[in-house]
Amino acid sequence: MNARQRMALVAAAAILGGGLAAAAPASASAQSGWTAKGYASDVAGAHASGKVYTRGDGRVQLTGTLKDTKTDGKYAILQISAKYADGGSRYEYDVTGSSKSIGSAGGYNFASSVRSIKVQECIGHSGGSGHWYLDKCGSGWHEIW
């Protein structure tokens, strides 16, 4: 989709009051690299990066690595927030004291109706019984899709 076509979609959406919510993001057809580093989502002590792309079945795949970059007894935590065309949302998180691939079995996948995916790095600690507490997070979220 070229810039002129995107502008036509934006103008049409404004005229129709957002009635084009089902249109795929411009990046939907390409595999895009992402990182939280250098954005408001970045926090010292954690590093997250990876790829996000549309799979052959139309679902959106998020892959990557989360690393704990300090030996301070804290854990690196990656928060993931997704919003869907119907107004629904999904929240996921990953935790590591060293380094790990995010998600399980190749990352996370989202329905084709996902409209945005945002990430935020945090550092935190375990409160026991599977509970995690956030000690410090990036000052904002970074939209990667």
N, C-alpha and C. Protein backbone atom coordinates (compact mmCIF):
# COMPACT_ATOMS: atom_id res chain seq x y z
N MET A 1 0.85 -1.16 0.00
CA MET A 1 0.00 0.00 0.00
C MET A 1 0.90 1.23 0.00
N ASN A 2 0.72 2.13 -0.97
CA ASN A 2 1.57 3.32 -1.03
C ASN A 2 0.97 4.43 -0.16
N ALA A 3 1.71 5.52 -0.04
CA ALA A 3 1.29 6.63 0.83
C ALA A 3 -0.04 7.22 0.38
N ARG A 4 -0.26 7.31 -0.90
CA ARG A 4 -1.51 7.87 -1.41
C ARG A 4 -2.71 7.00 -1.03
N GLN A 5 -2.54 5.67 -1.13
CA GLN A 5 -3.61 4.75 -0.75
C GLN A 5 -3.89 4.83 0.75
N ARG A 6 -2.82 4.94 1.57
CA ARG A 6 -3.01 5.06 3.03
C ARG A 6 -3.77 6.33 3.36
N MET A 7 -3.42 7.43 2.70
CA MET A 7 -4.12 8.70 2.95
C MET A 7 -5.59 8.58 2.56
N ALA A 8 -5.89 7.88 1.47
CA ALA A 8 -7.27 7.69 1.05
C ALA A 8 -8.03 6.89 2.11
N LEU A 9 -7.40 5.88 2.70
CA LEU A 9 -8.04 5.10 3.76
C LEU A 9 -8.29 5.95 5.00
N VAL A 10 -7.30 6.77 5.37
CA VAL A 10 -7.45 7.65 6.53
C VAL A 10 -8.60 8.63 6.30
N ALA A 11 -8.65 9.23 5.11
CA ALA A 11 -9.73 10.17 4.80
C ALA A 11 -11.08 9.47 4.81
N ALA A 12 -11.15 8.27 4.24
CA ALA A 12 -12.41 7.52 4.23
C ALA A 12 -12.83 7.15 5.64
N ALA A 13 -11.87 6.76 6.48
CA ALA A 13 -12.20 6.41 7.86
C ALA A 13 -12.76 7.62 8.60
N ALA A 14 -12.18 8.79 8.36
CA ALA A 14 -12.67 10.01 9.01
C ALA A 14 -14.08 10.34 8.55
N ILE A 15 -14.35 10.20 7.27
CA ILE A 15 -15.67 10.49 6.74
C ILE A 15 -16.70 9.49 7.26
N LEU A 16 -16.31 8.23 7.37
CA LEU A 16 -17.24 7.19 7.81
C LEU A 16 -17.24 7.01 9.33
N GLY A 17 -16.55 7.87 10.03
CA GLY A 17 -16.53 7.76 11.48
C GLY A 17 -15.79 6.53 11.96
N GLY A 18 -14.74 6.17 11.27
CA GLY A 18 -13.94 5.01 11.68
C GLY A 18 -14.49 3.70 11.15
N GLY A 19 -15.38 3.73 10.19
CA GLY A 19 -16.00 2.53 9.67
C GLY A 19 -15.07 1.59 8.96
N LEU A 20 -13.79 1.93 8.83
CA LEU A 20 -12.84 1.04 8.17
C LEU A 20 -11.96 0.33 9.19
N ALA A 21 -12.46 0.08 10.36
CA ALA A 21 -11.68 -0.54 11.43
C ALA A 21 -11.15 -1.91 11.03
N ALA A 22 -11.77 -2.57 10.10
CA ALA A 22 -11.32 -3.90 9.70
C ALA A 22 -10.13 -3.86 8.76
N ALA A 23 -9.76 -2.69 8.26
CA ALA A 23 -8.60 -2.59 7.37
C ALA A 23 -7.34 -2.96 8.13
N ALA A 24 -6.47 -3.74 7.52
CA ALA A 24 -5.24 -4.18 8.17
C ALA A 24 -4.25 -3.03 8.28
N PRO A 25 -3.41 -3.03 9.32
CA PRO A 25 -2.37 -2.01 9.43
C PRO A 25 -1.45 -2.06 8.22
N ALA A 26 -0.82 -0.95 7.90
CA ALA A 26 0.06 -0.88 6.74
C ALA A 26 1.20 -1.89 6.83
N SER A 27 1.62 -2.23 8.05
CA SER A 27 2.74 -3.15 8.21
C SER A 27 2.33 -4.61 8.19
N ALA A 28 1.07 -4.90 7.95
CA ALA A 28 0.56 -6.26 8.10
C ALA A 28 1.24 -7.26 7.16
N SER A 29 1.66 -6.84 6.00
CA SER A 29 2.21 -7.80 5.05
C SER A 29 3.71 -8.01 5.21
N ALA A 30 4.38 -7.23 6.00
CA ALA A 30 5.83 -7.33 6.13
C ALA A 30 6.21 -7.78 7.53
N GLN A 31 7.33 -8.47 7.62
CA GLN A 31 7.88 -8.84 8.91
C GLN A 31 8.65 -7.63 9.43
N SER A 32 8.33 -7.21 10.64
CA SER A 32 8.96 -6.03 11.22
C SER A 32 9.72 -6.39 12.48
N GLY A 33 10.93 -5.85 12.60
CA GLY A 33 11.68 -6.00 13.82
C GLY A 33 11.17 -5.01 14.85
N TRP A 34 11.24 -5.36 16.12
CA TRP A 34 10.83 -4.43 17.17
C TRP A 34 11.80 -4.52 18.34
N THR A 35 11.87 -3.45 19.09
CA THR A 35 12.64 -3.39 20.32
C THR A 35 12.00 -2.36 21.24
N ALA A 36 12.15 -2.54 22.53
CA ALA A 36 11.68 -1.55 23.48
C ALA A 36 12.77 -0.52 23.76
N LYS A 37 14.01 -0.85 23.40
CA LYS A 37 15.16 0.02 23.68
C LYS A 37 15.04 1.34 22.92
N GLY A 38 15.28 2.42 23.65
CA GLY A 38 15.27 3.75 23.04
C GLY A 38 13.89 4.39 22.99
N TYR A 39 12.87 3.72 23.51
CA TYR A 39 11.51 4.26 23.55
C TYR A 39 11.09 4.44 25.00
N ALA A 40 9.96 5.07 25.22
CA ALA A 40 9.46 5.27 26.59
C ALA A 40 9.23 3.94 27.29
N SER A 41 9.11 2.86 26.54
CA SER A 41 8.86 1.53 27.10
C SER A 41 10.11 0.88 27.69
N ASP A 42 11.27 1.50 27.51
CA ASP A 42 12.57 0.95 27.91
C ASP A 42 12.81 1.19 29.39
N VAL A 43 13.40 0.19 30.06
CA VAL A 43 13.82 0.36 31.45
C VAL A 43 15.18 -0.31 31.63
N ALA A 44 16.05 0.31 32.42
CA ALA A 44 17.36 -0.27 32.70
C ALA A 44 17.17 -1.58 33.46
N GLY A 45 17.90 -2.62 33.03
CA GLY A 45 17.82 -3.92 33.69
C GLY A 45 17.07 -4.96 32.88
N ALA A 46 16.42 -4.52 31.81
CA ALA A 46 15.69 -5.46 30.94
C ALA A 46 15.92 -5.07 29.49
N HIS A 47 15.90 -6.07 28.63
CA HIS A 47 15.98 -5.79 27.19
C HIS A 47 15.08 -6.78 26.46
N ALA A 48 14.19 -6.25 25.63
CA ALA A 48 13.28 -7.09 24.85
C ALA A 48 13.32 -6.64 23.39
N SER A 49 13.32 -7.62 22.49
CA SER A 49 13.29 -7.32 21.06
C SER A 49 12.82 -8.56 20.33
N GLY A 50 12.43 -8.37 19.05
CA GLY A 50 11.99 -9.52 18.27
C GLY A 50 11.41 -9.12 16.94
N LYS A 51 10.41 -9.89 16.48
CA LYS A 51 9.74 -9.65 15.20
C LYS A 51 8.24 -9.78 15.40
N VAL A 52 7.50 -9.09 14.54
CA VAL A 52 6.04 -9.21 14.50
C VAL A 52 5.65 -9.26 13.03
N TYR A 53 4.76 -10.19 12.67
CA TYR A 53 4.41 -10.38 11.27
C TYR A 53 3.08 -11.10 11.13
N THR A 54 2.51 -11.04 9.94
CA THR A 54 1.29 -11.77 9.63
C THR A 54 1.66 -13.16 9.12
N ARG A 55 1.09 -14.17 9.75
CA ARG A 55 1.32 -15.55 9.31
C ARG A 55 0.48 -15.86 8.07
N GLY A 56 0.74 -16.98 7.45
CA GLY A 56 0.00 -17.40 6.27
C GLY A 56 -1.49 -17.57 6.52
N ASP A 57 -1.87 -17.88 7.77
CA ASP A 57 -3.29 -18.06 8.09
C ASP A 57 -3.97 -16.76 8.51
N GLY A 58 -3.24 -15.63 8.41
CA GLY A 58 -3.82 -14.32 8.71
C GLY A 58 -3.62 -13.86 10.15
N ARG A 59 -3.21 -14.76 11.04
CA ARG A 59 -2.97 -14.36 12.43
C ARG A 59 -1.67 -13.57 12.51
N VAL A 60 -1.55 -12.73 13.54
CA VAL A 60 -0.36 -11.92 13.74
C VAL A 60 0.52 -12.62 14.77
N GLN A 61 1.78 -12.84 14.41
CA GLN A 61 2.73 -13.57 15.26
C GLN A 61 3.73 -12.60 15.87
N LEU A 62 3.95 -12.72 17.17
CA LEU A 62 4.93 -11.91 17.90
C LEU A 62 5.98 -12.87 18.48
N THR A 63 7.23 -12.67 18.09
CA THR A 63 8.32 -13.48 18.61
C THR A 63 9.38 -12.55 19.19
N GLY A 64 10.27 -13.11 19.98
CA GLY A 64 11.34 -12.28 20.50
C GLY A 64 12.05 -12.90 21.68
N THR A 65 12.92 -12.10 22.27
CA THR A 65 13.73 -12.52 23.41
C THR A 65 13.64 -11.46 24.50
N LEU A 66 13.56 -11.92 25.73
CA LEU A 66 13.59 -11.05 26.90
C LEU A 66 14.84 -11.40 27.69
N LYS A 67 15.63 -10.37 28.05
CA LYS A 67 16.87 -10.59 28.79
C LYS A 67 16.88 -9.74 30.05
N ASP A 68 17.38 -10.33 31.13
CA ASP A 68 17.67 -9.61 32.36
C ASP A 68 19.11 -9.14 32.22
N THR A 69 19.34 -7.83 32.20
CA THR A 69 20.67 -7.30 31.90
C THR A 69 21.45 -6.86 33.13
N LYS A 70 20.89 -7.07 34.33
CA LYS A 70 21.60 -6.71 35.56
C LYS A 70 21.59 -7.89 36.52
N THR A 71 22.66 -8.02 37.30
CA THR A 71 22.72 -9.06 38.32
C THR A 71 22.39 -8.42 39.67
N ASP A 72 21.12 -8.04 39.81
CA ASP A 72 20.69 -7.31 41.01
C ASP A 72 19.62 -8.06 41.79
N GLY A 73 19.36 -9.31 41.44
CA GLY A 73 18.33 -10.08 42.15
C GLY A 73 16.92 -9.78 41.68
N LYS A 74 16.76 -8.86 40.75
CA LYS A 74 15.45 -8.53 40.18
C LYS A 74 15.23 -9.37 38.92
N TYR A 75 14.01 -9.37 38.44
CA TYR A 75 13.66 -10.10 37.23
C TYR A 75 13.27 -9.11 36.13
N ALA A 76 13.58 -9.47 34.88
CA ALA A 76 13.12 -8.69 33.74
C ALA A 76 11.70 -9.16 33.42
N ILE A 77 10.81 -8.21 33.19
CA ILE A 77 9.41 -8.52 32.88
C ILE A 77 9.02 -7.74 31.63
N LEU A 78 8.41 -8.43 30.67
CA LEU A 78 7.90 -7.78 29.47
C LEU A 78 6.38 -7.86 29.52
N GLN A 79 5.73 -6.70 29.46
CA GLN A 79 4.28 -6.64 29.39
C GLN A 79 3.88 -6.43 27.93
N ILE A 80 2.82 -7.12 27.52
CA ILE A 80 2.31 -7.03 26.14
C ILE A 80 0.83 -6.74 26.23
N SER A 81 0.39 -5.73 25.51
CA SER A 81 -1.03 -5.34 25.50
C SER A 81 -1.51 -5.27 24.06
N ALA A 82 -2.59 -5.98 23.75
CA ALA A 82 -3.15 -5.99 22.40
C ALA A 82 -4.58 -5.47 22.44
N LYS A 83 -4.95 -4.73 21.41
CA LYS A 83 -6.33 -4.22 21.24
C LYS A 83 -6.88 -4.75 19.94
N TYR A 84 -8.16 -5.13 19.95
CA TYR A 84 -8.82 -5.72 18.79
C TYR A 84 -9.86 -4.78 18.19
N ALA A 85 -10.23 -5.04 16.94
CA ALA A 85 -11.19 -4.21 16.21
C ALA A 85 -12.53 -4.11 16.93
N ASP A 86 -12.93 -5.16 17.65
CA ASP A 86 -14.23 -5.14 18.33
C ASP A 86 -14.18 -4.47 19.70
N GLY A 87 -13.02 -3.89 20.05
CA GLY A 87 -12.87 -3.21 21.33
C GLY A 87 -12.29 -4.10 22.41
N GLY A 88 -12.13 -5.39 22.12
CA GLY A 88 -11.56 -6.31 23.09
C GLY A 88 -10.08 -6.08 23.29
N SER A 89 -9.53 -6.67 24.33
CA SER A 89 -8.11 -6.52 24.62
C SER A 89 -7.54 -7.83 25.15
N ARG A 90 -6.23 -7.91 25.15
CA ARG A 90 -5.52 -9.09 25.64
C ARG A 90 -4.24 -8.61 26.30
N TYR A 91 -3.90 -9.22 27.44
CA TYR A 91 -2.69 -8.88 28.17
C TYR A 91 -1.87 -10.14 28.38
N GLU A 92 -0.58 -10.06 28.13
CA GLU A 92 0.35 -11.16 28.38
C GLU A 92 1.58 -10.58 29.06
N TYR A 93 2.35 -11.44 29.71
CA TYR A 93 3.64 -11.00 30.25
C TYR A 93 4.60 -12.18 30.28
N ASP A 94 5.87 -11.86 30.26
CA ASP A 94 6.94 -12.84 30.38
C ASP A 94 7.90 -12.37 31.45
N VAL A 95 8.53 -13.32 32.14
CA VAL A 95 9.46 -13.02 33.23
C VAL A 95 10.70 -13.87 33.07
N THR A 96 11.88 -13.28 33.32
CA THR A 96 13.11 -14.06 33.33
C THR A 96 14.13 -13.42 34.27
N GLY A 97 14.98 -14.26 34.84
CA GLY A 97 16.12 -13.80 35.62
C GLY A 97 17.40 -13.92 34.81
N SER A 98 17.28 -14.37 33.56
CA SER A 98 18.45 -14.50 32.69
C SER A 98 18.07 -14.08 31.27
N SER A 99 17.71 -15.05 30.42
CA SER A 99 17.31 -14.76 29.05
C SER A 99 16.35 -15.86 28.59
N LYS A 100 15.31 -15.48 27.84
CA LYS A 100 14.36 -16.47 27.35
C LYS A 100 13.66 -15.97 26.10
N SER A 101 13.14 -16.92 25.33
CA SER A 101 12.26 -16.57 24.22
C SER A 101 10.91 -16.20 24.82
N ILE A 102 10.25 -15.20 24.25
CA ILE A 102 8.96 -14.81 24.80
C ILE A 102 7.88 -15.80 24.38
N GLY A 103 6.88 -15.91 25.23
CA GLY A 103 5.77 -16.82 24.96
C GLY A 103 6.22 -18.26 25.07
N SER A 104 5.40 -19.15 24.57
CA SER A 104 5.76 -20.56 24.52
C SER A 104 5.48 -21.05 23.10
N ALA A 105 6.21 -22.03 22.68
CA ALA A 105 6.03 -22.59 21.33
C ALA A 105 6.10 -21.53 20.25
N GLY A 106 7.11 -20.68 20.29
CA GLY A 106 7.33 -19.72 19.21
C GLY A 106 6.73 -18.34 19.40
N GLY A 107 6.43 -17.93 20.60
CA GLY A 107 5.94 -16.58 20.85
C GLY A 107 4.45 -16.54 21.10
N TYR A 108 3.83 -15.45 20.73
CA TYR A 108 2.39 -15.26 20.89
C TYR A 108 1.77 -15.04 19.52
N ASN A 109 0.55 -15.52 19.34
CA ASN A 109 -0.16 -15.19 18.10
C ASN A 109 -1.50 -14.58 18.45
N PHE A 110 -1.91 -13.65 17.61
CA PHE A 110 -3.10 -12.85 17.84
C PHE A 110 -4.04 -13.00 16.64
N ALA A 111 -5.33 -12.90 16.88
CA ALA A 111 -6.31 -12.99 15.80
C ALA A 111 -6.04 -11.90 14.77
N SER A 112 -6.48 -12.14 13.55
CA SER A 112 -6.26 -11.19 12.46
C SER A 112 -6.94 -9.85 12.72
N SER A 113 -7.87 -9.79 13.65
CA SER A 113 -8.56 -8.54 13.96
C SER A 113 -7.79 -7.66 14.95
N VAL A 114 -6.56 -8.07 15.32
CA VAL A 114 -5.78 -7.24 16.24
C VAL A 114 -5.44 -5.92 15.54
N ARG A 115 -5.60 -4.83 16.23
CA ARG A 115 -5.35 -3.50 15.66
C ARG A 115 -4.08 -2.86 16.21
N SER A 116 -3.69 -3.22 17.43
CA SER A 116 -2.43 -2.68 17.96
C SER A 116 -1.86 -3.67 18.97
N ILE A 117 -0.53 -3.70 19.01
CA ILE A 117 0.20 -4.46 20.01
C ILE A 117 1.24 -3.52 20.58
N LYS A 118 1.24 -3.39 21.91
CA LYS A 118 2.19 -2.52 22.60
C LYS A 118 3.00 -3.33 23.60
N VAL A 119 4.24 -2.90 23.84
CA VAL A 119 5.11 -3.57 24.80
C VAL A 119 5.67 -2.55 25.80
N GLN A 120 6.03 -3.08 26.97
CA GLN A 120 6.67 -2.27 28.00
C GLN A 120 7.60 -3.17 28.82
N GLU A 121 8.84 -2.73 29.01
CA GLU A 121 9.78 -3.45 29.85
C GLU A 121 9.62 -3.01 31.29
N CYS A 122 9.81 -3.96 32.21
CA CYS A 122 9.78 -3.67 33.64
C CYS A 122 10.82 -4.51 34.34
N ILE A 123 11.13 -4.13 35.57
CA ILE A 123 11.90 -4.99 36.46
C ILE A 123 11.03 -5.20 37.69
N GLY A 124 11.16 -6.37 38.29
CA GLY A 124 10.30 -6.66 39.43
C GLY A 124 10.83 -7.82 40.25
N HIS A 125 9.98 -8.28 41.15
CA HIS A 125 10.36 -9.37 42.03
C HIS A 125 9.18 -10.32 42.23
N SER A 126 9.51 -11.51 42.72
CA SER A 126 8.50 -12.52 42.97
C SER A 126 7.94 -12.33 44.37
N GLY A 127 6.63 -12.43 44.47
CA GLY A 127 5.98 -12.35 45.78
C GLY A 127 5.57 -13.72 46.27
N GLY A 128 6.00 -14.77 45.56
CA GLY A 128 5.63 -16.13 45.93
C GLY A 128 4.29 -16.51 45.33
N SER A 129 4.01 -17.77 45.33
CA SER A 129 2.75 -18.31 44.81
C SER A 129 2.46 -17.85 43.38
N GLY A 130 3.51 -17.65 42.58
CA GLY A 130 3.32 -17.28 41.19
C GLY A 130 2.95 -15.82 40.96
N HIS A 131 3.03 -14.99 41.98
CA HIS A 131 2.71 -13.57 41.85
C HIS A 131 3.98 -12.77 41.58
N TRP A 132 3.89 -11.83 40.66
CA TRP A 132 5.01 -10.97 40.32
C TRP A 132 4.65 -9.53 40.62
N TYR A 133 5.60 -8.78 41.13
CA TYR A 133 5.37 -7.38 41.45
C TYR A 133 6.31 -6.52 40.62
N LEU A 134 5.78 -5.46 40.05
CA LEU A 134 6.55 -4.55 39.21
C LEU A 134 7.19 -3.49 40.10
N ASP A 135 8.52 -3.42 40.08
CA ASP A 135 9.23 -2.41 40.86
C ASP A 135 9.44 -1.13 40.05
N LYS A 136 9.71 -1.30 38.77
CA LYS A 136 9.93 -0.13 37.91
C LYS A 136 9.66 -0.54 36.46
N CYS A 137 8.98 0.33 35.73
CA CYS A 137 8.69 0.07 34.32
C CYS A 137 9.12 1.28 33.49
N GLY A 138 9.24 1.07 32.20
CA GLY A 138 9.46 2.19 31.30
C GLY A 138 8.34 3.21 31.54
N SER A 139 8.57 4.44 31.17
CA SER A 139 7.59 5.50 31.46
C SER A 139 6.36 5.43 30.57
N GLY A 140 6.38 4.57 29.55
CA GLY A 140 5.23 4.44 28.66
C GLY A 140 5.27 3.12 27.92
N TRP A 141 4.39 2.98 26.95
CA TRP A 141 4.30 1.77 26.14
C TRP A 141 4.76 2.10 24.72
N HIS A 142 5.33 1.11 24.04
CA HIS A 142 5.78 1.30 22.66
C HIS A 142 4.91 0.43 21.75
N GLU A 143 4.24 1.08 20.78
CA GLU A 143 3.38 0.35 19.85
C GLU A 143 4.25 -0.27 18.75
N ILE A 144 4.20 -1.61 18.66
CA ILE A 144 5.01 -2.32 17.68
C ILE A 144 4.17 -2.87 16.53
N TRP A 145 2.84 -2.79 16.64
CA TRP A 145 1.93 -3.23 15.57
C TRP A 145 0.73 -2.31 15.54
